[in-house]
């Protein structure tokens, strides 16, 4: 009984630590600067105002930032799902010399921080003339070692008898991948797509490095530059952050059933 009670205490503490900052941020988007500085410890505003949400449209090129974020996160996520699943299919279903070594090399890249490769990738983009371009934003992030690993683990759980039955019907590798494996991999697709979309949507460093033009910035980068260039209007920053959270919440709500199934069937429990 005591152990069960302690579990609920831990859950309650974790819930408070996760929810209170979110509530404070949402409430802060409805505050005036005077209220924010005068009642910093207060969770809710003493005076409600829509100044922050009006300022998002008046002080920021918000639609442009939103468009860039949707394009960057959406297109990159789609490419990641495609390329990662194709690579994982080869590692899981094809027999070739060096397959195990190739898989371990993919896992090794998981241990290399992205910041280590940031400068070499930046130099390559500079030589290609891809700075301040959408292809410069998207293509270097179009694959993910974690996505390859998760897809590969999921594909290994699919019976190979399905491949053999498709081959009897004359299907080649691509048709098996496209018509047999992918339709069965919806949980893995949802998991990889959700994790990558969330990571890319919130990415700050990469858009700041490859995009010096304000018209090419994403929402996190635009909000960060706004805070650095002007006298910080915290209500506007909070309002922009709240709006930027909405697409992630919608995507997670739509994909949560497949996300849980993907985690539970991919050896990540």
Protein backbone atom coordinates (compact mmCIF):
# COMPACT_ATOMS: atom_id res chain seq x y z
CA UNK A 1 0.00 0.00 0.00
CA UNK A 2 2.86 2.36 0.88
CA UNK A 3 4.64 1.59 -2.39
CA UNK A 4 1.49 2.34 -4.37
CA UNK A 5 1.03 5.63 -2.52
CA UNK A 6 4.64 6.62 -3.22
CA UNK A 7 4.11 5.93 -6.92
CA UNK A 8 1.17 8.35 -6.97
CA UNK A 9 3.25 10.93 -5.11
CA UNK A 10 6.00 10.66 -7.72
CA UNK A 11 3.44 10.92 -10.52
CA UNK A 12 1.89 13.97 -8.86
CA UNK A 13 5.26 15.69 -8.47
CA UNK A 14 6.18 14.97 -12.09
CA UNK A 15 2.79 16.25 -13.27
CA UNK A 16 3.18 19.49 -11.34
CA UNK A 17 6.72 20.05 -12.64
CA UNK A 18 5.51 19.50 -16.21
CA UNK A 19 2.22 21.40 -16.10
CA UNK A 20 2.99 24.47 -13.97
CA UNK A 21 5.57 26.01 -16.38
CA UNK A 22 3.14 25.47 -19.26
CA UNK A 23 0.29 27.15 -17.38
CA UNK A 24 2.60 30.03 -16.41
CA UNK A 25 3.63 30.52 -20.05
CA UNK A 26 0.03 30.45 -21.33
CA UNK A 27 -1.10 32.81 -18.59
CA UNK A 28 1.90 35.07 -19.28
CA UNK A 29 0.70 35.56 -22.85
CA UNK A 30 -2.38 37.33 -21.43
CA UNK A 31 -0.42 39.59 -19.06
CA UNK A 32 0.80 43.14 -19.25
CA UNK A 33 4.49 43.85 -18.62
CA UNK A 34 3.62 45.63 -15.37
CA UNK A 35 1.61 42.64 -14.14
CA UNK A 36 4.36 40.21 -15.17
CA UNK A 37 7.12 42.08 -13.32
CA UNK A 38 4.93 43.14 -10.41
CA UNK A 39 3.52 39.66 -9.67
CA UNK A 40 6.17 37.29 -10.99
CA UNK A 41 5.27 34.43 -8.64
CA UNK A 42 1.58 34.62 -9.49
CA UNK A 43 0.37 31.80 -11.70
CA UNK A 44 -2.51 33.73 -13.27
CA UNK A 45 -2.79 37.34 -14.46
CA UNK A 46 -4.22 40.06 -12.25
CA UNK A 47 -5.15 41.92 -15.41
CA UNK A 48 -6.06 40.04 -18.59
CA UNK A 49 -5.10 41.47 -21.98
CA UNK A 50 -4.77 40.33 -25.62
CA UNK A 51 -1.79 42.62 -26.19
CA UNK A 52 0.56 39.66 -26.65
CA UNK A 53 -1.52 38.03 -29.39
CA UNK A 54 -2.05 41.34 -31.18
CA UNK A 55 1.68 42.02 -30.96
CA UNK A 56 2.48 38.68 -32.63
CA UNK A 57 0.86 39.94 -35.83
CA UNK A 58 2.03 43.55 -35.50
CA UNK A 59 5.65 43.12 -34.39
CA UNK A 60 6.62 39.86 -36.12
CA UNK A 61 6.36 38.53 -39.69
CA UNK A 62 4.38 35.75 -38.09
CA UNK A 63 2.75 34.23 -41.17
CA UNK A 64 6.12 34.01 -42.90
CA UNK A 65 7.73 32.39 -39.86
CA UNK A 66 4.80 29.98 -39.59
CA UNK A 67 5.02 29.07 -43.28
CA UNK A 68 8.75 28.42 -43.00
CA UNK A 69 8.25 26.21 -39.94
CA UNK A 70 5.47 24.20 -41.58
CA UNK A 71 7.51 23.73 -44.76
CA UNK A 72 10.74 22.86 -42.93
CA UNK A 73 9.20 20.46 -40.42
CA UNK A 74 6.60 18.96 -42.76
CA UNK A 75 8.75 18.32 -45.84
CA UNK A 76 11.76 17.16 -43.81
CA UNK A 77 9.59 14.76 -41.80
CA UNK A 78 8.10 13.28 -44.99
CA UNK A 79 11.57 12.79 -46.49
CA UNK A 80 12.84 11.29 -43.24
CA UNK A 81 10.03 8.75 -43.12
CA UNK A 82 10.67 7.77 -46.76
CA UNK A 83 14.47 7.52 -46.65
CA UNK A 84 14.67 5.96 -43.19
CA UNK A 85 12.09 3.30 -44.01
CA UNK A 86 13.84 2.43 -47.30
CA UNK A 87 17.20 2.09 -45.55
CA UNK A 88 15.62 0.08 -42.73
CA UNK A 89 13.96 -2.26 -45.26
CA UNK A 90 17.34 -3.01 -46.79
CA UNK A 91 18.89 -3.66 -43.37
CA UNK A 92 15.99 -5.81 -42.18
CA UNK A 93 14.92 -7.79 -45.27
CA UNK A 94 17.81 -7.92 -47.76
CA UNK A 95 20.73 -10.30 -47.48
CA UNK A 96 24.03 -8.68 -48.47
CA UNK A 97 27.63 -8.69 -47.30
CA UNK A 98 28.30 -6.10 -44.61
CA UNK A 99 24.67 -5.67 -43.56
CA UNK A 100 25.46 -6.00 -39.87
CA UNK A 101 28.42 -3.62 -40.16
CA UNK A 102 26.22 -1.08 -41.94
CA UNK A 103 23.61 -1.31 -39.17
CA UNK A 104 26.24 -0.80 -36.47
CA UNK A 105 27.62 2.22 -38.33
CA UNK A 106 24.12 3.70 -38.28
CA UNK A 107 23.96 3.12 -34.53
CA UNK A 108 27.37 4.73 -34.05
CA UNK A 109 26.09 7.95 -35.62
CA UNK A 110 23.52 8.12 -32.82
CA UNK A 111 26.40 8.72 -30.41
CA UNK A 112 27.75 11.69 -32.39
CA UNK A 113 26.18 15.01 -31.30
CA UNK A 114 24.73 17.05 -34.13
CA UNK A 115 26.88 20.02 -33.08
CA UNK A 116 30.03 18.06 -34.02
CA UNK A 117 29.00 17.94 -37.69
CA UNK A 118 27.49 21.42 -37.76
CA UNK A 119 30.54 23.28 -39.11
CA UNK A 120 31.44 20.74 -41.85
CA UNK A 121 27.82 20.66 -43.05
CA UNK A 122 27.69 24.47 -42.99
CA UNK A 123 30.83 24.64 -45.14
CA UNK A 124 29.34 22.22 -47.66
CA UNK A 125 26.14 24.29 -47.87
CA UNK A 126 28.24 27.42 -48.34
CA UNK A 127 30.10 25.86 -51.29
CA UNK A 128 26.81 24.67 -52.82
CA UNK A 129 25.31 28.14 -52.42
CA UNK A 130 22.48 26.73 -50.33
CA UNK A 131 22.60 29.15 -47.41
CA UNK A 132 19.30 31.01 -46.94
CA UNK A 133 17.49 28.46 -49.10
CA UNK A 134 14.82 25.86 -48.36
CA UNK A 135 16.96 23.03 -49.73
CA UNK A 136 19.74 24.08 -47.36
CA UNK A 137 17.30 23.87 -44.45
CA UNK A 138 15.72 20.57 -45.45
CA UNK A 139 18.15 18.23 -47.21
CA UNK A 140 20.84 17.91 -44.47
CA UNK A 141 18.10 16.91 -42.00
CA UNK A 142 16.32 14.47 -44.33
CA UNK A 143 17.59 11.31 -42.63
CA UNK A 144 17.69 10.15 -39.03
CA UNK A 145 19.72 7.34 -37.51
CA UNK A 146 17.09 6.87 -34.83
CA UNK A 147 14.38 6.57 -37.48
CA UNK A 148 16.37 3.92 -39.35
CA UNK A 149 16.87 2.00 -36.10
CA UNK A 150 13.20 2.14 -35.13
CA UNK A 151 11.96 1.15 -38.60
CA UNK A 152 14.47 -1.67 -38.79
CA UNK A 153 13.36 -3.05 -35.42
CA UNK A 154 9.72 -2.88 -36.48
CA UNK A 155 10.35 -4.51 -39.87
CA UNK A 156 12.19 -7.37 -38.17
CA UNK A 157 8.95 -8.21 -36.33
CA UNK A 158 6.97 -8.60 -39.58
CA UNK A 159 6.89 -12.27 -40.73
CA UNK A 160 9.10 -12.90 -43.75
CA UNK A 161 6.46 -15.29 -45.08
CA UNK A 162 4.61 -12.22 -46.34
CA UNK A 163 7.63 -11.32 -48.50
CA UNK A 164 7.79 -14.84 -49.89
CA UNK A 165 4.07 -14.84 -50.73
CA UNK A 166 4.47 -11.51 -52.54
CA UNK A 167 7.46 -12.85 -54.47
CA UNK A 168 5.41 -15.81 -55.67
CA UNK A 169 3.00 -13.26 -57.14
CA UNK A 170 5.90 -11.65 -59.00
CA UNK A 171 6.57 -8.71 -56.69
CA UNK A 172 10.05 -7.21 -56.55
CA UNK A 173 11.73 -5.60 -53.56
CA UNK A 174 10.25 -2.14 -54.08
CA UNK A 175 6.74 -3.48 -54.51
CA UNK A 176 7.11 -5.60 -51.36
CA UNK A 177 8.37 -2.56 -49.48
CA UNK A 178 5.62 -0.28 -50.78
CA UNK A 179 2.63 -2.61 -50.88
CA UNK A 180 3.34 -5.09 -48.09
CA UNK A 181 5.73 -3.66 -45.47
CA UNK A 182 4.69 0.01 -45.30
CA UNK A 183 0.94 -0.65 -44.86
CA UNK A 184 1.81 -2.84 -41.86
CA UNK A 185 4.20 -0.24 -40.44
CA UNK A 186 1.71 2.53 -39.61
CA UNK A 187 2.66 2.55 -35.90
CA UNK A 188 6.37 2.92 -36.76
CA UNK A 189 5.61 5.59 -39.36
CA UNK A 190 3.54 7.56 -36.85
CA UNK A 191 6.24 7.26 -34.20
CA UNK A 192 9.08 8.40 -36.45
CA UNK A 193 6.96 11.17 -37.99
CA UNK A 194 5.81 12.50 -34.63
CA UNK A 195 9.26 12.47 -33.02
CA UNK A 196 10.92 14.06 -36.04
CA UNK A 197 8.21 16.66 -36.59
CA UNK A 198 8.39 17.71 -32.93
CA UNK A 199 12.19 17.89 -33.00
CA UNK A 200 12.29 19.85 -36.26
CA UNK A 201 9.47 22.22 -35.29
CA UNK A 202 11.30 23.17 -32.10
CA UNK A 203 14.76 23.26 -33.72
CA UNK A 204 16.54 26.54 -33.01
CA UNK A 205 20.24 26.03 -33.79
CA UNK A 206 20.00 24.68 -37.34
CA UNK A 207 17.73 27.44 -38.80
CA UNK A 208 19.87 30.10 -37.11
CA UNK A 209 23.05 28.66 -38.62
CA UNK A 210 21.92 28.22 -42.23
CA UNK A 211 19.50 31.19 -42.47
CA UNK A 212 20.70 34.73 -41.88
CA UNK A 213 17.80 36.23 -43.83
CA UNK A 214 14.80 37.04 -41.62
CA UNK A 215 12.43 35.85 -44.35
CA UNK A 216 13.93 32.34 -44.10
CA UNK A 217 13.72 31.97 -40.33
CA UNK A 218 11.43 29.48 -38.61
CA UNK A 219 9.23 30.31 -35.61
CA UNK A 220 11.73 29.39 -32.84
CA UNK A 221 14.53 31.27 -34.59
CA UNK A 222 12.30 34.27 -35.31
CA UNK A 223 11.16 34.49 -31.70
CA UNK A 224 14.76 34.20 -30.46
CA UNK A 225 15.95 36.99 -32.77
CA UNK A 226 12.99 39.16 -31.79
CA UNK A 227 13.97 38.82 -28.13
CA UNK A 228 17.55 39.78 -28.94
CA UNK A 229 16.97 42.72 -31.28
CA UNK A 230 14.32 44.68 -29.40
CA UNK A 231 13.28 45.55 -25.90
CA UNK A 232 11.77 42.20 -24.98
CA UNK A 233 7.98 42.18 -24.90
CA UNK A 234 7.45 38.98 -22.96
CA UNK A 235 3.72 38.81 -23.66
CA UNK A 236 4.45 38.69 -27.40
CA UNK A 237 7.09 35.99 -26.93
CA UNK A 238 4.76 33.92 -24.76
CA UNK A 239 1.91 34.34 -27.25
CA UNK A 240 4.15 33.26 -30.13
CA UNK A 241 5.34 30.25 -28.13
CA UNK A 242 1.76 29.25 -27.28
CA UNK A 243 0.70 29.47 -30.93
CA UNK A 244 3.76 27.48 -32.01
CA UNK A 245 2.79 24.68 -29.61
CA UNK A 246 -0.63 24.16 -31.19
CA UNK A 247 0.52 22.24 -34.33
CA UNK A 248 2.56 19.85 -32.18
CA UNK A 249 -0.40 19.24 -29.88
CA UNK A 250 -2.68 18.56 -32.87
CA UNK A 251 -0.17 16.18 -34.49
CA UNK A 252 0.35 14.28 -31.24
CA UNK A 253 -3.41 14.04 -30.62
CA UNK A 254 -3.97 12.57 -34.09
CA UNK A 255 -1.03 10.15 -33.93
CA UNK A 256 -0.95 9.14 -30.26
CA UNK A 257 -2.63 5.74 -30.78
CA UNK A 258 -0.11 4.74 -33.46
CA UNK A 259 2.72 6.34 -31.47
CA UNK A 260 2.10 4.14 -28.41
CA UNK A 261 1.76 1.05 -30.61
CA UNK A 262 4.99 1.90 -32.45
CA UNK A 263 6.96 2.29 -29.21
CA UNK A 264 5.60 -0.94 -27.76
CA UNK A 265 6.39 -3.03 -30.87
CA UNK A 266 9.81 -1.65 -31.80
CA UNK A 267 11.92 -2.96 -28.94
CA UNK A 268 11.99 0.42 -27.15
CA UNK A 269 9.98 -0.51 -24.08
